Amino acid sequence: MASSIRGSRFALIKGVENLNETQIVKLDDLKKAGSHLFKAWELKEDLRAVFKAASAEEADDLLDDWLKASLSMPHPTDRRSKQKGAQTP
């Protein structure tokens, strides 16, 4: 997993339209590794789409989809608590 994360910073901050071939490959590596970073990048891109929507109705639909997708992401503190053996409330 660490090898797929190394060097991904610029790929993660860029918009999909600005990625070069190397960055596309890096994101593909993150996706194949099941990285939460890739899911976070997808969420970032989906949120950008909300602001680029052609109409308020389209933006509303995209935002609803984004909210559903973001709520399905595990929260980092949940993972840390489970790793330490602590009980979550």
C-alpha atoms as a PDB file:
ATOM      1  CA  MET A   1       0.000   0.000   0.000  1.00  0.00           C
ATOM      2  CA  ALA A   2       2.773   2.452   0.875  1.00  0.00           C
ATOM      3  CA  SER A   3       4.349   2.073  -2.554  1.00  0.00           C
ATOM      4  CA  SER A   4       1.068   3.018  -4.239  1.00  0.00           C
ATOM      5  CA  ILE A   5       0.773   6.117  -2.029  1.00  0.00           C
ATOM      6  CA  ARG A   6       4.330   7.329  -2.615  1.00  0.00           C
ATOM      7  CA  GLY A   7       4.366  10.083  -5.233  1.00  0.00           C
ATOM      8  CA  SER A   8       0.596  10.481  -5.414  1.00  0.00           C
ATOM      9  CA  ARG A   9       0.355  13.968  -3.908  1.00  0.00           C
ATOM     10  CA  PHE A  10       0.132  15.934  -7.152  1.00  0.00           C
ATOM     11  CA  ALA A  11      -2.226  13.435  -8.752  1.00  0.00           C
ATOM     12  CA  LEU A  12      -4.560  13.744  -5.769  1.00  0.00           C
ATOM     13  CA  ILE A  13      -4.712  17.540  -5.789  1.00  0.00           C
ATOM     14  CA  LYS A  14      -5.221  17.950  -9.528  1.00  0.00           C
ATOM     15  CA  GLY A  15      -8.515  17.829 -11.316  1.00  0.00           C
ATOM     16  CA  VAL A  16      -9.094  14.891 -13.628  1.00  0.00           C
ATOM     17  CA  GLU A  17      -8.800  17.143 -16.687  1.00  0.00           C
ATOM     18  CA  ASN A  18      -5.267  18.210 -15.671  1.00  0.00           C
ATOM     19  CA  LEU A  19      -3.711  14.820 -14.956  1.00  0.00           C
ATOM     20  CA  ASN A  20      -0.740  13.667 -16.982  1.00  0.00           C
ATOM     21  CA  GLU A  21      -0.217  10.019 -17.942  1.00  0.00           C
ATOM     22  CA  THR A  22       2.011   9.273 -14.933  1.00  0.00           C
ATOM     23  CA  GLN A  23      -0.571  10.705 -12.550  1.00  0.00           C
ATOM     24  CA  ILE A  24      -3.350   8.692 -14.177  1.00  0.00           C
ATOM     25  CA  VAL A  25      -1.305   5.547 -13.623  1.00  0.00           C
ATOM     26  CA  LYS A  26      -0.656   6.579  -9.996  1.00  0.00           C
ATOM     27  CA  LEU A  27      -4.385   7.029  -9.345  1.00  0.00           C
ATOM     28  CA  ASP A  28      -5.072   3.693 -11.011  1.00  0.00           C
ATOM     29  CA  ASP A  29      -2.522   2.094  -8.657  1.00  0.00           C
ATOM     30  CA  LEU A  30      -4.310   3.653  -5.668  1.00  0.00           C
ATOM     31  CA  LYS A  31      -7.646   2.368  -6.954  1.00  0.00           C
ATOM     32  CA  LYS A  32      -6.294  -1.161  -7.440  1.00  0.00           C
ATOM     33  CA  ALA A  33      -4.789  -1.087  -3.941  1.00  0.00           C
ATOM     34  CA  GLY A  34      -8.196  -0.208  -2.488  1.00  0.00           C
ATOM     35  CA  SER A  35      -6.832   3.014  -1.038  1.00  0.00           C
ATOM     36  CA  HIS A  36      -9.146   5.388   0.767  1.00  0.00           C
ATOM     37  CA  LEU A  37      -7.082   8.134  -0.854  1.00  0.00           C
ATOM     38  CA  PHE A  38      -8.511   7.177  -4.219  1.00  0.00           C
ATOM     39  CA  LYS A  39     -12.058   7.269  -2.851  1.00  0.00           C
ATOM     40  CA  ALA A  40     -11.325  10.683  -1.333  1.00  0.00           C
ATOM     41  CA  TRP A  41     -10.046  11.882  -4.712  1.00  0.00           C
ATOM     42  CA  GLU A  42     -13.249  10.634  -6.358  1.00  0.00           C
ATOM     43  CA  LEU A  43     -15.296  12.498  -3.764  1.00  0.00           C
ATOM     44  CA  LYS A  44     -13.294  15.660  -4.452  1.00  0.00           C
ATOM     45  CA  GLU A  45     -13.958  15.326  -8.167  1.00  0.00           C
ATOM     46  CA  ASP A  46     -17.647  14.652  -7.580  1.00  0.00           C
ATOM     47  CA  LEU A  47     -17.900  17.766  -5.411  1.00  0.00           C
ATOM     48  CA  ARG A  48     -16.222  19.811  -8.139  1.00  0.00           C
ATOM     49  CA  ALA A  49     -18.941  18.559 -10.503  1.00  0.00           C
ATOM     50  CA  VAL A  50     -21.591  20.008  -8.181  1.00  0.00           C
ATOM     51  CA  PHE A  51     -20.151  23.479  -8.703  1.00  0.00           C
ATOM     52  CA  LYS A  52     -19.882  22.975 -12.475  1.00  0.00           C
ATOM     53  CA  ALA A  53     -23.503  21.839 -12.832  1.00  0.00           C
ATOM     54  CA  ALA A  54     -25.505  23.500 -15.589  1.00  0.00           C
ATOM     55  CA  SER A  55     -28.591  23.979 -13.419  1.00  0.00           C
ATOM     56  CA  ALA A  56     -29.663  24.145  -9.806  1.00  0.00           C
ATOM     57  CA  GLU A  57     -31.589  20.883 -10.221  1.00  0.00           C
ATOM     58  CA  GLU A  58     -28.529  19.095 -11.577  1.00  0.00           C
ATOM     59  CA  ALA A  59     -26.397  20.510  -8.756  1.00  0.00           C
ATOM     60  CA  ASP A  60     -28.965  19.348  -6.209  1.00  0.00           C
ATOM     61  CA  ASP A  61     -28.949  15.804  -7.635  1.00  0.00           C
ATOM     62  CA  LEU A  62     -25.152  15.710  -7.764  1.00  0.00           C
ATOM     63  CA  LEU A  63     -24.915  16.989  -4.199  1.00  0.00           C
ATOM     64  CA  ASP A  64     -27.354  14.324  -2.985  1.00  0.00           C
ATOM     65  CA  ASP A  65     -25.237  11.659  -4.689  1.00  0.00           C
ATOM     66  CA  TRP A  66     -22.074  13.155  -3.198  1.00  0.00           C
ATOM     67  CA  LEU A  67     -23.538  13.157   0.306  1.00  0.00           C
ATOM     68  CA  LYS A  68     -24.555   9.512   0.029  1.00  0.00           C
ATOM     69  CA  ALA A  69     -21.101   8.548  -1.229  1.00  0.00           C
ATOM     70  CA  SER A  70     -19.308  10.558   1.453  1.00  0.00           C
ATOM     71  CA  LEU A  71     -21.374   9.017   4.230  1.00  0.00           C
ATOM     72  CA  SER A  72     -20.373   5.562   3.032  1.00  0.00           C
ATOM     73  CA  MET A  73     -16.697   6.381   3.621  1.00  0.00           C
ATOM     74  CA  PRO A  74     -15.304   5.115   6.918  1.00  0.00           C
ATOM     75  CA  HIS A  75     -14.238   7.891   9.250  1.00  0.00           C
ATOM     76  CA  PRO A  76     -10.482   7.883  10.027  1.00  0.00           C
ATOM     77  CA  THR A  77     -11.082   7.916  13.782  1.00  0.00           C
ATOM     78  CA  ASP A  78     -13.178   4.756  13.497  1.00  0.00           C
ATOM     79  CA  ARG A  79     -10.262   2.920  11.917  1.00  0.00           C
ATOM     80  CA  ARG A  80      -7.761   4.187  14.491  1.00  0.00           C
ATOM     81  CA  SER A  81      -9.987   3.142  17.371  1.00  0.00           C
ATOM     82  CA  LYS A  82     -10.365  -0.372  15.977  1.00  0.00           C
ATOM     83  CA  GLN A  83      -6.613  -0.676  15.401  1.00  0.00           C
ATOM     84  CA  LYS A  84      -5.875   0.272  18.994  1.00  0.00           C
ATOM     85  CA  GLY A  85      -8.484  -2.144  20.271  1.00  0.00           C
ATOM     86  CA  ALA A  86     -10.554   0.646  21.800  1.00  0.00           C
ATOM     87  CA  GLN A  87     -14.293   0.397  21.772  1.00  0.00           C
ATOM     88  CA  THR A  88     -16.220   2.933  19.710  1.00  0.00           C
ATOM     89  CA  PRO A  89     -19.219   4.593  21.320  1.00  0.00           C
END
